[in-house]
C-alpha cells in the first residue's frame, strides 16, 4: 500500500474520470469511500504509475497526465496527437 492507509481506484466514463479513496475496516469487513474526485475529460483507458501519484488518461487523440500532491490532483500535462498538417 506504499505506506498509505487507503487504496486508490480510478474509473472512467464518457464525461469524466473519478478517483476514489477507499479505506478497508478490518473489524467490520467494510469498505468506505473517503474521497471522490472528479477530473475533466472522458477517459477510454487509465494507467497509474507505480506509486499511484500520477494518472494517465487516454482520450481520442489526446492523453492527459494528472499528478497528486497528497490528496489534491491537478492536470500536469496534455499531449495532443500531431495531425501532420
C-alpha atoms as a PDB file:
ATOM      1  CA  UNK A   1       0.000   0.000   0.000  1.00  0.00           C
ATOM      2  CA  UNK A   2       3.016   2.290  -0.226  1.00  0.00           C
ATOM      3  CA  UNK A   3       2.676   3.319   3.430  1.00  0.00           C
ATOM      4  CA  UNK A   4      -0.861   4.592   2.927  1.00  0.00           C
ATOM      5  CA  UNK A   5      -3.934   3.678   4.927  1.00  0.00           C
ATOM      6  CA  UNK A   6      -6.110   3.751   1.810  1.00  0.00           C
ATOM      7  CA  UNK A   7      -6.288   2.407  -1.745  1.00  0.00           C
ATOM      8  CA  UNK A   8      -6.877   4.425  -4.912  1.00  0.00           C
ATOM      9  CA  UNK A   9      -9.321   3.328  -7.610  1.00  0.00           C
ATOM     10  CA  UNK A  10      -9.861   5.251 -10.853  1.00  0.00           C
ATOM     11  CA  UNK A  11     -12.947   4.941 -13.037  1.00  0.00           C
ATOM     12  CA  UNK A  12     -13.574   6.478 -16.474  1.00  0.00           C
ATOM     13  CA  UNK A  13     -16.889   7.417 -18.063  1.00  0.00           C
ATOM     14  CA  UNK A  14     -17.836   9.309 -21.216  1.00  0.00           C
ATOM     15  CA  UNK A  15     -17.929  12.596 -19.265  1.00  0.00           C
ATOM     16  CA  UNK A  16     -15.322  12.401 -16.506  1.00  0.00           C
ATOM     17  CA  UNK A  17     -12.698  10.447 -14.615  1.00  0.00           C
ATOM     18  CA  UNK A  18     -13.283   9.684 -10.942  1.00  0.00           C
ATOM     19  CA  UNK A  19     -10.674   8.842  -8.331  1.00  0.00           C
ATOM     20  CA  UNK A  20     -11.930   7.081  -5.220  1.00  0.00           C
ATOM     21  CA  UNK A  21     -10.021   6.864  -1.950  1.00  0.00           C
ATOM     22  CA  UNK A  22     -11.027   3.572  -0.351  1.00  0.00           C
ATOM     23  CA  UNK A  23     -10.369   2.523   3.223  1.00  0.00           C
ATOM     24  CA  UNK A  24     -10.840  -1.058   4.444  1.00  0.00           C
ATOM     25  CA  UNK A  25     -12.049  -1.586   8.013  1.00  0.00           C
ATOM     26  CA  UNK A  26     -10.797  -4.986   9.200  1.00  0.00           C
ATOM     27  CA  UNK A  27     -13.134  -5.169  12.192  1.00  0.00           C
ATOM     28  CA  UNK A  28     -16.370  -4.604  10.297  1.00  0.00           C
ATOM     29  CA  UNK A  29     -15.041  -6.009   6.994  1.00  0.00           C
ATOM     30  CA  UNK A  30     -16.361  -2.948   5.182  1.00  0.00           C
ATOM     31  CA  UNK A  31     -15.013  -0.550   2.589  1.00  0.00           C
ATOM     32  CA  UNK A  32     -15.712   3.168   2.862  1.00  0.00           C
ATOM     33  CA  UNK A  33     -15.181   5.860   0.247  1.00  0.00           C
ATOM     34  CA  UNK A  34     -13.195   8.619   1.931  1.00  0.00           C
ATOM     35  CA  UNK A  35     -12.995  10.934  -1.058  1.00  0.00           C
ATOM     36  CA  UNK A  36     -14.419  11.066  -4.575  1.00  0.00           C
ATOM     37  CA  UNK A  37     -12.577  13.352  -7.012  1.00  0.00           C
ATOM     38  CA  UNK A  38     -13.957  14.213 -10.455  1.00  0.00           C
ATOM     39  CA  UNK A  39     -11.458  15.195 -13.165  1.00  0.00           C
ATOM     40  CA  UNK A  40     -12.423  16.679 -16.546  1.00  0.00           C
ATOM     41  CA  UNK A  41     -12.151  14.644 -19.705  1.00  0.00           C
ATOM     42  CA  UNK A  42     -13.591  11.422 -21.000  1.00  0.00           C
ATOM     43  CA  UNK A  43     -11.296   8.503 -20.409  1.00  0.00           C
ATOM     44  CA  UNK A  44     -11.003   5.481 -22.641  1.00  0.00           C
ATOM     45  CA  UNK A  45      -8.060   3.982 -20.763  1.00  0.00           C
ATOM     46  CA  UNK A  46      -6.435   4.767 -17.420  1.00  0.00           C
ATOM     47  CA  UNK A  47      -2.957   3.924 -16.192  1.00  0.00           C
ATOM     48  CA  UNK A  48      -1.300   4.572 -12.817  1.00  0.00           C
ATOM     49  CA  UNK A  49       2.401   4.965 -12.180  1.00  0.00           C
ATOM     50  CA  UNK A  50       3.970   2.562  -9.667  1.00  0.00           C
ATOM     51  CA  UNK A  51       3.382   4.800  -6.633  1.00  0.00           C
ATOM     52  CA  UNK A  52      -0.135   5.890  -7.700  1.00  0.00           C
ATOM     53  CA  UNK A  53       0.887   9.544  -7.677  1.00  0.00           C
ATOM     54  CA  UNK A  54       0.279  10.070 -11.411  1.00  0.00           C
ATOM     55  CA  UNK A  55      -2.607   9.004 -13.606  1.00  0.00           C
ATOM     56  CA  UNK A  56      -2.576   8.914 -17.408  1.00  0.00           C
ATOM     57  CA  UNK A  57      -5.982   9.247 -19.075  1.00  0.00           C
ATOM     58  CA  UNK A  58      -6.204   8.465 -22.769  1.00  0.00           C
ATOM     59  CA  UNK A  59      -8.891  10.105 -24.859  1.00  0.00           C
ATOM     60  CA  UNK A  60      -9.377  10.188 -28.614  1.00  0.00           C
ATOM     61  CA  UNK A  61      -6.269  11.998 -29.982  1.00  0.00           C
ATOM     62  CA  UNK A  62      -5.187  13.174 -26.505  1.00  0.00           C
ATOM     63  CA  UNK A  63      -3.529  11.976 -23.309  1.00  0.00           C
ATOM     64  CA  UNK A  64      -3.986  13.872 -20.053  1.00  0.00           C
ATOM     65  CA  UNK A  65      -1.496  13.410 -17.221  1.00  0.00           C
ATOM     66  CA  UNK A  66      -2.653  14.149 -13.689  1.00  0.00           C
ATOM     67  CA  UNK A  67      -0.459  14.218 -10.613  1.00  0.00           C
ATOM     68  CA  UNK A  68      -1.207  14.387  -6.930  1.00  0.00           C
ATOM     69  CA  UNK A  69       0.237  16.332  -4.070  1.00  0.00           C
ATOM     70  CA  UNK A  70      -1.118  14.421  -1.075  1.00  0.00           C
ATOM     71  CA  UNK A  71      -4.860  14.281  -1.907  1.00  0.00           C
ATOM     72  CA  UNK A  72      -5.024  17.233  -4.333  1.00  0.00           C
ATOM     73  CA  UNK A  73      -4.999  16.300  -8.031  1.00  0.00           C
ATOM     74  CA  UNK A  74      -4.025  18.653 -10.853  1.00  0.00           C
ATOM     75  CA  UNK A  75      -3.529  18.342 -14.583  1.00  0.00           C
ATOM     76  CA  UNK A  76       0.210  18.168 -15.169  1.00  0.00           C
ATOM     77  CA  UNK A  77       0.268  17.934 -18.957  1.00  0.00           C
ATOM     78  CA  UNK A  78      -1.852  17.386 -22.049  1.00  0.00           C
ATOM     79  CA  UNK A  79      -0.334  15.590 -25.040  1.00  0.00           C
ATOM     80  CA  UNK A  80      -2.189  16.144 -28.317  1.00  0.00           C
ATOM     81  CA  UNK A  81      -1.907  13.997 -31.422  1.00  0.00           C
ATOM     82  CA  UNK A  82       0.023  15.715 -34.201  1.00  0.00           C
ATOM     83  CA  UNK A  83      -2.253  15.810 -37.242  1.00  0.00           C
ATOM     84  CA  UNK A  84       0.756  16.064 -39.564  1.00  0.00           C
ATOM     85  CA  UNK A  85      -0.650  19.057 -41.478  1.00  0.00           C
END
